[in-house]
PDB file of N, CA and C in Angstrom:
ATOM      1  N   MET A   1      -9.553 -15.321 -90.745  1.00  0.00           N
ATOM      2  CA  MET A   1      -9.151 -14.703 -91.082  1.00  0.00           C
ATOM      3  C   MET A   1     -10.036 -13.694 -89.691  1.00  0.00           C
ATOM      4  N   LEU A   2      -9.098 -12.206 -88.967  1.00  0.00           N
ATOM      5  CA  LEU A   2      -9.144 -11.462 -87.904  1.00  0.00           C
ATOM      6  C   LEU A   2     -10.139 -10.607 -88.149  1.00  0.00           C
ATOM      7  N   ASP A   3     -11.059 -10.307 -87.513  1.00  0.00           N
ATOM      8  CA  ASP A   3     -12.490  -9.158 -87.470  1.00  0.00           C
ATOM      9  C   ASP A   3     -12.332  -8.327 -86.609  1.00  0.00           C
ATOM     10  N   SER A   4     -11.119  -6.611 -86.626  1.00  0.00           N
ATOM     11  CA  SER A   4     -10.435  -6.565 -85.877  1.00  0.00           C
ATOM     12  C   SER A   4     -11.634  -5.083 -85.340  1.00  0.00           C
ATOM     13  N   ASP A   5     -13.186  -5.369 -86.734  1.00  0.00           N
ATOM     14  CA  ASP A   5     -13.963  -4.274 -86.092  1.00  0.00           C
ATOM     15  C   ASP A   5     -15.012  -4.991 -85.016  1.00  0.00           C
ATOM     16  N   LEU A   6     -15.168  -6.379 -85.232  1.00  0.00           N
ATOM     17  CA  LEU A   6     -15.668  -7.208 -83.901  1.00  0.00           C
ATOM     18  C   LEU A   6     -14.542  -6.839 -82.851  1.00  0.00           C
ATOM     19  N   PHE A   7     -13.655  -7.234 -82.740  1.00  0.00           N
ATOM     20  CA  PHE A   7     -12.821  -7.444 -81.389  1.00  0.00           C
ATOM     21  C   PHE A   7     -12.936  -5.558 -80.835  1.00  0.00           C
ATOM     22  N   LEU A   8     -12.841  -4.705 -81.708  1.00  0.00           N
ATOM     23  CA  LEU A   8     -12.849  -3.706 -81.460  1.00  0.00           C
ATOM     24  C   LEU A   8     -14.394  -2.986 -80.399  1.00  0.00           C
ATOM     25  N   VAL A   9     -15.264  -3.525 -81.092  1.00  0.00           N
ATOM     26  CA  VAL A   9     -16.892  -2.911 -80.646  1.00  0.00           C
ATOM     27  C   VAL A   9     -17.112  -4.186 -79.262  1.00  0.00           C
ATOM     28  N   LEU A  10     -16.328  -5.181 -79.231  1.00  0.00           N
ATOM     29  CA  LEU A  10     -16.587  -6.266 -77.784  1.00  0.00           C
ATOM     30  C   LEU A  10     -15.483  -5.581 -76.656  1.00  0.00           C
ATOM     31  N   GLY A  11     -14.767  -4.550 -77.121  1.00  0.00           N
ATOM     32  CA  GLY A  11     -13.631  -4.725 -76.190  1.00  0.00           C
ATOM     33  C   GLY A  11     -14.550  -3.685 -75.746  1.00  0.00           C
ATOM     34  N   ILE A  12     -15.144  -2.389 -76.252  1.00  0.00           N
ATOM     35  CA  ILE A  12     -15.475  -1.177 -75.765  1.00  0.00           C
ATOM     36  C   ILE A  12     -16.830  -1.594 -74.503  1.00  0.00           C
ATOM     37  N   LEU A  13     -17.420  -3.117 -75.097  1.00  0.00           N
ATOM     38  CA  LEU A  13     -18.535  -2.898 -74.392  1.00  0.00           C
ATOM     39  C   LEU A  13     -18.293  -3.909 -73.096  1.00  0.00           C
ATOM     40  N   VAL A  14     -16.811  -4.484 -73.198  1.00  0.00           N
ATOM     41  CA  VAL A  14     -17.041  -5.019 -71.981  1.00  0.00           C
ATOM     42  C   VAL A  14     -16.347  -4.194 -70.967  1.00  0.00           C
ATOM     43  N   SER A  15     -16.036  -2.989 -71.597  1.00  0.00           N
ATOM     44  CA  SER A  15     -14.998  -2.059 -70.899  1.00  0.00           C
ATOM     45  C   SER A  15     -15.953  -0.980 -70.124  1.00  0.00           C
ATOM     46  N   ALA A  16     -17.278  -1.277 -71.060  1.00  0.00           N
ATOM     47  CA  ALA A  16     -18.497   0.290 -70.684  1.00  0.00           C
ATOM     48  C   ALA A  16     -19.399  -0.636 -68.996  1.00  0.00           C
ATOM     49  N   PHE A  17     -19.297  -2.070 -69.613  1.00  0.00           N
ATOM     50  CA  PHE A  17     -19.871  -2.873 -68.548  1.00  0.00           C
ATOM     51  C   PHE A  17     -19.222  -2.732 -67.325  1.00  0.00           C
ATOM     52  N   ALA A  18     -18.220  -2.734 -67.275  1.00  0.00           N
ATOM     53  CA  ALA A  18     -16.865  -3.148 -66.304  1.00  0.00           C
ATOM     54  C   ALA A  18     -17.460  -1.493 -65.325  1.00  0.00           C
ATOM     55  N   VAL A  19     -17.272  -0.635 -65.702  1.00  0.00           N
ATOM     56  CA  VAL A  19     -17.411   0.925 -65.069  1.00  0.00           C
ATOM     57  C   VAL A  19     -18.600   0.368 -64.178  1.00  0.00           C
ATOM     58  N   PRO A  20     -20.151   0.452 -64.239  1.00  0.00           N
ATOM     59  CA  PRO A  20     -20.794   0.646 -63.166  1.00  0.00           C
ATOM     60  C   PRO A  20     -20.517  -1.028 -62.048  1.00  0.00           C
ATOM     61  N   ALA A  21     -19.587  -1.845 -62.588  1.00  0.00           N
ATOM     62  CA  ALA A  21     -19.033  -2.804 -61.361  1.00  0.00           C
ATOM     63  C   ALA A  21     -18.384  -2.034 -60.480  1.00  0.00           C
ATOM     64  N   VAL A  22     -16.549  -1.430 -61.229  1.00  0.00           N
ATOM     65  CA  VAL A  22     -15.763  -0.945 -60.473  1.00  0.00           C
ATOM     66  C   VAL A  22     -16.998   0.095 -59.494  1.00  0.00           C
ATOM     67  N   ILE A  23     -17.930   1.064 -59.139  1.00  0.00           N
ATOM     68  CA  ILE A  23     -18.127   1.985 -58.969  1.00  0.00           C
ATOM     69  C   ILE A  23     -18.672   1.110 -57.508  1.00  0.00           C
ATOM     70  N   SER A  24     -19.811  -0.117 -57.895  1.00  0.00           N
ATOM     71  CA  SER A  24     -20.896  -0.720 -56.977  1.00  0.00           C
ATOM     72  C   SER A  24     -19.699  -1.294 -55.974  1.00  0.00           C
ATOM     73  N   ALA A  25     -18.779  -1.605 -56.864  1.00  0.00           N
ATOM     74  CA  ALA A  25     -17.262  -2.734 -55.471  1.00  0.00           C
ATOM     75  C   ALA A  25     -17.138  -1.042 -54.433  1.00  0.00           C
ATOM     76  N   PHE A  26     -16.217  -0.083 -55.228  1.00  0.00           N
ATOM     77  CA  PHE A  26     -16.121   1.203 -54.633  1.00  0.00           C
ATOM     78  C   PHE A  26     -17.040   1.384 -53.306  1.00  0.00           C
ATOM     79  N   ALA A  27     -18.452   1.277 -53.710  1.00  0.00           N
ATOM     80  CA  ALA A  27     -19.237   2.136 -52.677  1.00  0.00           C
ATOM     81  C   ALA A  27     -20.041   0.770 -51.168  1.00  0.00           C
ATOM     82  N   ASP A  28     -19.490  -0.595 -51.996  1.00  0.00           N
ATOM     83  CA  ASP A  28     -19.648  -1.742 -50.931  1.00  0.00           C
ATOM     84  C   ASP A  28     -18.162  -2.010 -50.159  1.00  0.00           C
ATOM     85  N   SER A  29     -17.499  -0.659 -50.467  1.00  0.00           N
ATOM     86  CA  SER A  29     -15.969  -0.882 -49.593  1.00  0.00           C
ATOM     87  C   SER A  29     -15.182  -2.838 -49.850  1.00  0.00           C
ATOM     88  N   ARG A  30     -15.436  -3.049 -50.952  1.00  0.00           N
ATOM     89  CA  ARG A  30     -14.655  -4.542 -51.213  1.00  0.00           C
ATOM     90  C   ARG A  30     -14.141  -4.528 -52.452  1.00  0.00           C
ATOM     91  N   PRO A  31     -13.009  -4.972 -52.351  1.00  0.00           N
ATOM     92  CA  PRO A  31     -12.210  -4.861 -53.306  1.00  0.00           C
ATOM     93  C   PRO A  31     -13.298  -5.398 -55.204  1.00  0.00           C
ATOM     94  N   PRO A  32     -12.702  -4.086 -55.985  1.00  0.00           N
ATOM     95  CA  PRO A  32     -13.392  -4.526 -57.657  1.00  0.00           C
ATOM     96  C   PRO A  32     -12.445  -5.391 -58.656  1.00  0.00           C
ATOM     97  N   ARG A  33     -12.129  -6.901 -57.879  1.00  0.00           N
ATOM     98  CA  ARG A  33     -11.411  -7.913 -58.245  1.00  0.00           C
ATOM     99  C   ARG A  33     -11.855  -8.201 -60.025  1.00  0.00           C
ATOM    100  N   ALA A  34     -13.319  -8.683 -60.256  1.00  0.00           N
ATOM    101  CA  ALA A  34     -14.312  -9.281 -61.594  1.00  0.00           C
ATOM    102  C   ALA A  34     -13.891  -7.593 -62.109  1.00  0.00           C
ATOM    103  N   ALA A  35     -14.564  -6.553 -62.006  1.00  0.00           N
ATOM    104  CA  ALA A  35     -14.113  -5.167 -62.972  1.00  0.00           C
ATOM    105  C   ALA A  35     -13.457  -4.962 -63.312  1.00  0.00           C
ATOM    106  N   ALA A  36     -12.059  -5.720 -62.745  1.00  0.00           N
ATOM    107  CA  ALA A  36     -10.083  -5.044 -63.403  1.00  0.00           C
ATOM    108  C   ALA A  36     -10.245  -5.970 -63.953  1.00  0.00           C
ATOM    109  N   LEU A  37     -10.750  -7.151 -63.705  1.00  0.00           N
ATOM    110  CA  LEU A  37     -10.122  -8.100 -65.191  1.00  0.00           C
ATOM    111  C   LEU A  37     -11.639  -7.743 -66.447  1.00  0.00           C
ATOM    112  N   ALA A  38     -12.424  -7.231 -66.119  1.00  0.00           N
ATOM    113  CA  ALA A  38     -13.177  -7.381 -67.488  1.00  0.00           C
ATOM    114  C   ALA A  38     -12.444  -5.725 -67.923  1.00  0.00           C
ATOM    115  N   VAL A  39     -12.003  -5.205 -66.837  1.00  0.00           N
ATOM    116  CA  VAL A  39     -11.851  -3.461 -67.688  1.00  0.00           C
ATOM    117  C   VAL A  39     -10.421  -4.320 -68.083  1.00  0.00           C
ATOM    118  N   MET A  40      -9.148  -4.844 -67.697  1.00  0.00           N
ATOM    119  CA  MET A  40      -8.001  -5.524 -68.483  1.00  0.00           C
ATOM    120  C   MET A  40      -9.042  -6.272 -69.964  1.00  0.00           C
ATOM    121  N   ILE A  41      -9.963  -7.341 -69.584  1.00  0.00           N
ATOM    122  CA  ILE A  41     -10.169  -8.252 -70.709  1.00  0.00           C
ATOM    123  C   ILE A  41     -10.572  -7.242 -72.225  1.00  0.00           C
ATOM    124  N   GLY A  42     -11.093  -5.987 -71.582  1.00  0.00           N
ATOM    125  CA  GLY A  42     -12.003  -5.496 -72.943  1.00  0.00           C
ATOM    126  C   GLY A  42     -10.911  -4.294 -72.834  1.00  0.00           C
ATOM    127  N   GLY A  43      -9.720  -4.001 -72.191  1.00  0.00           N
ATOM    128  CA  GLY A  43      -8.472  -2.812 -73.010  1.00  0.00           C
ATOM    129  C   GLY A  43      -7.805  -3.561 -73.594  1.00  0.00           C
ATOM    130  N   GLY A  44      -7.489  -4.821 -73.385  1.00  0.00           N
ATOM    131  CA  GLY A  44      -6.810  -5.975 -74.484  1.00  0.00           C
ATOM    132  C   GLY A  44      -7.343  -6.106 -76.077  1.00  0.00           C
ATOM    133  N   LEU A  45      -8.686  -5.707 -75.270  1.00  0.00           N
ATOM    134  CA  LEU A  45      -9.583  -6.769 -77.001  1.00  0.00           C
ATOM    135  C   LEU A  45      -9.423  -5.225 -77.247  1.00  0.00           C
ATOM    136  N   ILE A  46      -9.656  -4.030 -77.323  1.00  0.00           N
ATOM    137  CA  ILE A  46      -9.050  -3.133 -77.402  1.00  0.00           C
ATOM    138  C   ILE A  46      -7.843  -2.529 -78.745  1.00  0.00           C
ATOM    139  N   LEU A  47      -6.820  -3.326 -77.317  1.00  0.00           N
ATOM    140  CA  LEU A  47      -5.452  -3.056 -78.311  1.00  0.00           C
ATOM    141  C   LEU A  47      -5.494  -3.974 -78.953  1.00  0.00           C
ATOM    142  N   PHE A  48      -5.669  -5.194 -79.313  1.00  0.00           N
ATOM    143  CA  PHE A  48      -6.055  -5.853 -80.409  1.00  0.00           C
ATOM    144  C   PHE A  48      -6.809  -5.894 -81.717  1.00  0.00           C
ATOM    145  N   ALA A  49      -7.488  -5.026 -81.254  1.00  0.00           N
ATOM    146  CA  ALA A  49      -7.937  -4.270 -82.950  1.00  0.00           C
ATOM    147  C   ALA A  49      -7.441  -2.927 -82.899  1.00  0.00           C
ATOM    148  N   MET A  50      -7.111  -2.415 -82.113  1.00  0.00           N
ATOM    149  CA  MET A  50      -5.986  -1.487 -82.764  1.00  0.00           C
ATOM    150  C   MET A  50      -4.721  -2.195 -83.474  1.00  0.00           C
ATOM    151  N   ALA A  51      -4.576  -2.919 -83.108  1.00  0.00           N
ATOM    152  CA  ALA A  51      -3.263  -3.989 -83.655  1.00  0.00           C
ATOM    153  C   ALA A  51      -3.074  -3.820 -84.684  1.00  0.00           C
ATOM    154  N   THR A  52      -4.659  -4.852 -85.261  1.00  0.00           N
ATOM    155  CA  THR A  52      -4.158  -5.921 -86.385  1.00  0.00           C
ATOM    156  C   THR A  52      -4.909  -4.878 -87.109  1.00  0.00           C
ATOM    157  N   LYS A  53      -5.690  -3.662 -87.489  1.00  0.00           N
ATOM    158  CA  LYS A  53      -6.561  -2.660 -88.569  1.00  0.00           C
ATOM    159  C   LYS A  53      -5.297  -1.967 -88.790  1.00  0.00           C
ATOM    160  N   PRO A  54      -5.129  -2.336 -90.051  1.00  0.00           N
ATOM    161  CA  PRO A  54      -3.866  -1.683 -90.838  1.00  0.00           C
ATOM    162  C   PRO A  54      -4.291   0.067 -90.671  1.00  0.00           C
ATOM    163  N   GLY A  55      -3.301   0.760 -90.139  1.00  0.00           N
ATOM    164  CA  GLY A  55      -3.744   2.263 -90.171  1.00  0.00           C
ATOM    165  C   GLY A  55      -3.694   2.917 -88.603  1.00  0.00           C
ATOM    166  N   GLY A  56      -4.774   1.369 -87.678  1.00  0.00           N
ATOM    167  CA  GLY A  56      -5.861   1.733 -86.617  1.00  0.00           C
ATOM    168  C   GLY A  56      -6.570   2.576 -87.280  1.00  0.00           C
ATOM    169  N   TYR A  57      -8.033   3.030 -85.753  1.00  0.00           N
ATOM    170  CA  TYR A  57      -8.833   3.661 -85.579  1.00  0.00           C
ATOM    171  C   TYR A  57      -8.975   4.991 -85.273  1.00  0.00           C
ATOM    172  N   THR A  58      -9.610   6.237 -85.616  1.00  0.00           N
ATOM    173  CA  THR A  58      -9.434   7.383 -85.436  1.00  0.00           C
ATOM    174  C   THR A  58     -10.941   7.224 -84.801  1.00  0.00           C
ATOM    175  N   PRO A  59     -10.798   8.432 -83.756  1.00  0.00           N
ATOM    176  CA  PRO A  59     -12.099   7.949 -82.617  1.00  0.00           C
ATOM    177  C   PRO A  59     -13.783   8.764 -83.708  1.00  0.00           C
ATOM    178  N   GLY A  60     -13.384   9.061 -84.665  1.00  0.00           N
ATOM    179  CA  GLY A  60     -14.874   9.234 -85.488  1.00  0.00           C
ATOM    180  C   GLY A  60     -15.171   7.917 -86.589  1.00  0.00           C
ATOM    181  N   GLN A  61     -14.340   6.724 -85.988  1.00  0.00           N
ATOM    182  CA  GLN A  61     -14.158   5.495 -86.909  1.00  0.00           C
ATOM    183  C   GLN A  61     -15.257   4.987 -85.947  1.00  0.00           C
ATOM    184  N   ILE A  62     -15.248   5.287 -84.906  1.00  0.00           N
ATOM    185  CA  ILE A  62     -15.891   4.056 -83.717  1.00  0.00           C
ATOM    186  C   ILE A  62     -17.242   3.940 -83.737  1.00  0.00           C
ATOM    187  N   PRO A  63     -18.248   5.320 -83.950  1.00  0.00           N
ATOM    188  CA  PRO A  63     -19.786   4.957 -83.976  1.00  0.00           C
ATOM    189  C   PRO A  63     -20.155   4.340 -85.525  1.00  0.00           C
ATOM    190  N   GLU A  64     -19.121   4.603 -86.082  1.00  0.00           N
ATOM    191  CA  GLU A  64     -19.415   4.068 -87.692  1.00  0.00           C
ATOM    192  C   GLU A  64     -18.756   2.546 -87.765  1.00  0.00           C
ATOM    193  N   THR A  65     -17.775   1.754 -86.907  1.00  0.00           N
ATOM    194  CA  THR A  65     -17.726   0.729 -86.857  1.00  0.00           C
ATOM    195  C   THR A  65     -18.647  -0.101 -85.989  1.00  0.00           C
ATOM    196  N   PHE A  66     -19.173   0.535 -85.100  1.00  0.00           N
ATOM    197  CA  PHE A  66     -20.292  -0.023 -84.282  1.00  0.00           C
ATOM    198  C   PHE A  66     -21.723  -0.319 -84.936  1.00  0.00           C
ATOM    199  N   ALA A  67     -22.286   0.550 -86.240  1.00  0.00           N
ATOM    200  CA  ALA A  67     -23.354   0.625 -86.964  1.00  0.00           C
ATOM    201  C   ALA A  67     -22.795  -0.799 -87.920  1.00  0.00           C
ATOM    202  N   ARG A  68     -21.698  -0.447 -87.884  1.00  0.00           N
ATOM    203  CA  ARG A  68     -21.658  -1.473 -89.143  1.00  0.00           C
ATOM    204  C   ARG A  68     -22.033  -3.573 -88.276  1.00  0.00           C
ATOM    205  N   ILE A  69     -21.180  -3.380 -87.447  1.00  0.00           N
ATOM    206  CA  ILE A  69     -21.351  -4.497 -86.365  1.00  0.00           C
ATOM    207  C   ILE A  69     -22.610  -5.030 -86.626  1.00  0.00           C
ATOM    208  N   ILE A  70     -23.199  -4.119 -86.103  1.00  0.00           N
ATOM    209  CA  ILE A  70     -24.753  -3.970 -85.477  1.00  0.00           C
ATOM    210  C   ILE A  70     -25.480  -4.600 -87.017  1.00  0.00           C
ATOM    211  N   ALA A  71     -25.286  -3.851 -87.907  1.00  0.00           N
ATOM    212  CA  ALA A  71     -25.928  -4.028 -89.344  1.00  0.00           C
ATOM    213  C   ALA A  71     -25.224  -5.233 -89.845  1.00  0.00           C
ATOM    214  N   ARG A  72     -24.290  -5.883 -89.646  1.00  0.00           N
ATOM    215  CA  ARG A  72     -23.922  -7.405 -90.012  1.00  0.00           C
ATOM    216  C   ARG A  72     -25.259  -8.218 -89.581  1.00  0.00           C
ATOM    217  N   PHE A  73     -24.908  -8.375 -87.935  1.00  0.00           N
ATOM    218  CA  PHE A  73     -25.678  -8.846 -87.118  1.00  0.00           C
ATOM    219  C   PHE A  73     -27.129  -9.096 -87.598  1.00  0.00           C
ATOM    220  N   LEU A  74     -27.922  -7.964 -87.731  1.00  0.00           N
ATOM    221  CA  LEU A  74     -28.871  -8.231 -88.260  1.00  0.00           C
ATOM    222  C   LEU A  74     -29.453  -8.555 -89.225  1.00  0.00           C
ATOM    223  N   ALA A  75     -28.314  -8.249 -90.353  1.00  0.00           N
ATOM    224  CA  ALA A  75     -28.736  -9.182 -91.605  1.00  0.00           C
ATOM    225  C   ALA A  75     -29.016 -10.394 -91.246  1.00  0.00           C
ATOM    226  N   ARG A  76     -29.046 -10.974 -90.246  1.00  0.00           N
ATOM    227  CA  ARG A  76     -28.499 -12.215 -90.882  1.00  0.00           C
ATOM    228  C   ARG A  76     -29.875 -12.992 -89.950  1.00  0.00           C
TER     229      ARG A  76
END
């Protein structure tokens, strides 16, 4: 079974970690290839999560989703 909550959280984290890489690449005057790839992968995970969850997600559900995923991994 697909876990759309996990895909959403992973997509947000991958995209968030790519932002400093983009800024660093532009500051060093080099093309942000790896950062752009990470943004595309993160965006793809977010879109996949939105498409697989019936009704999608609202912005208010994102913190609850993070908490649920973290609680699931801490409970193991």
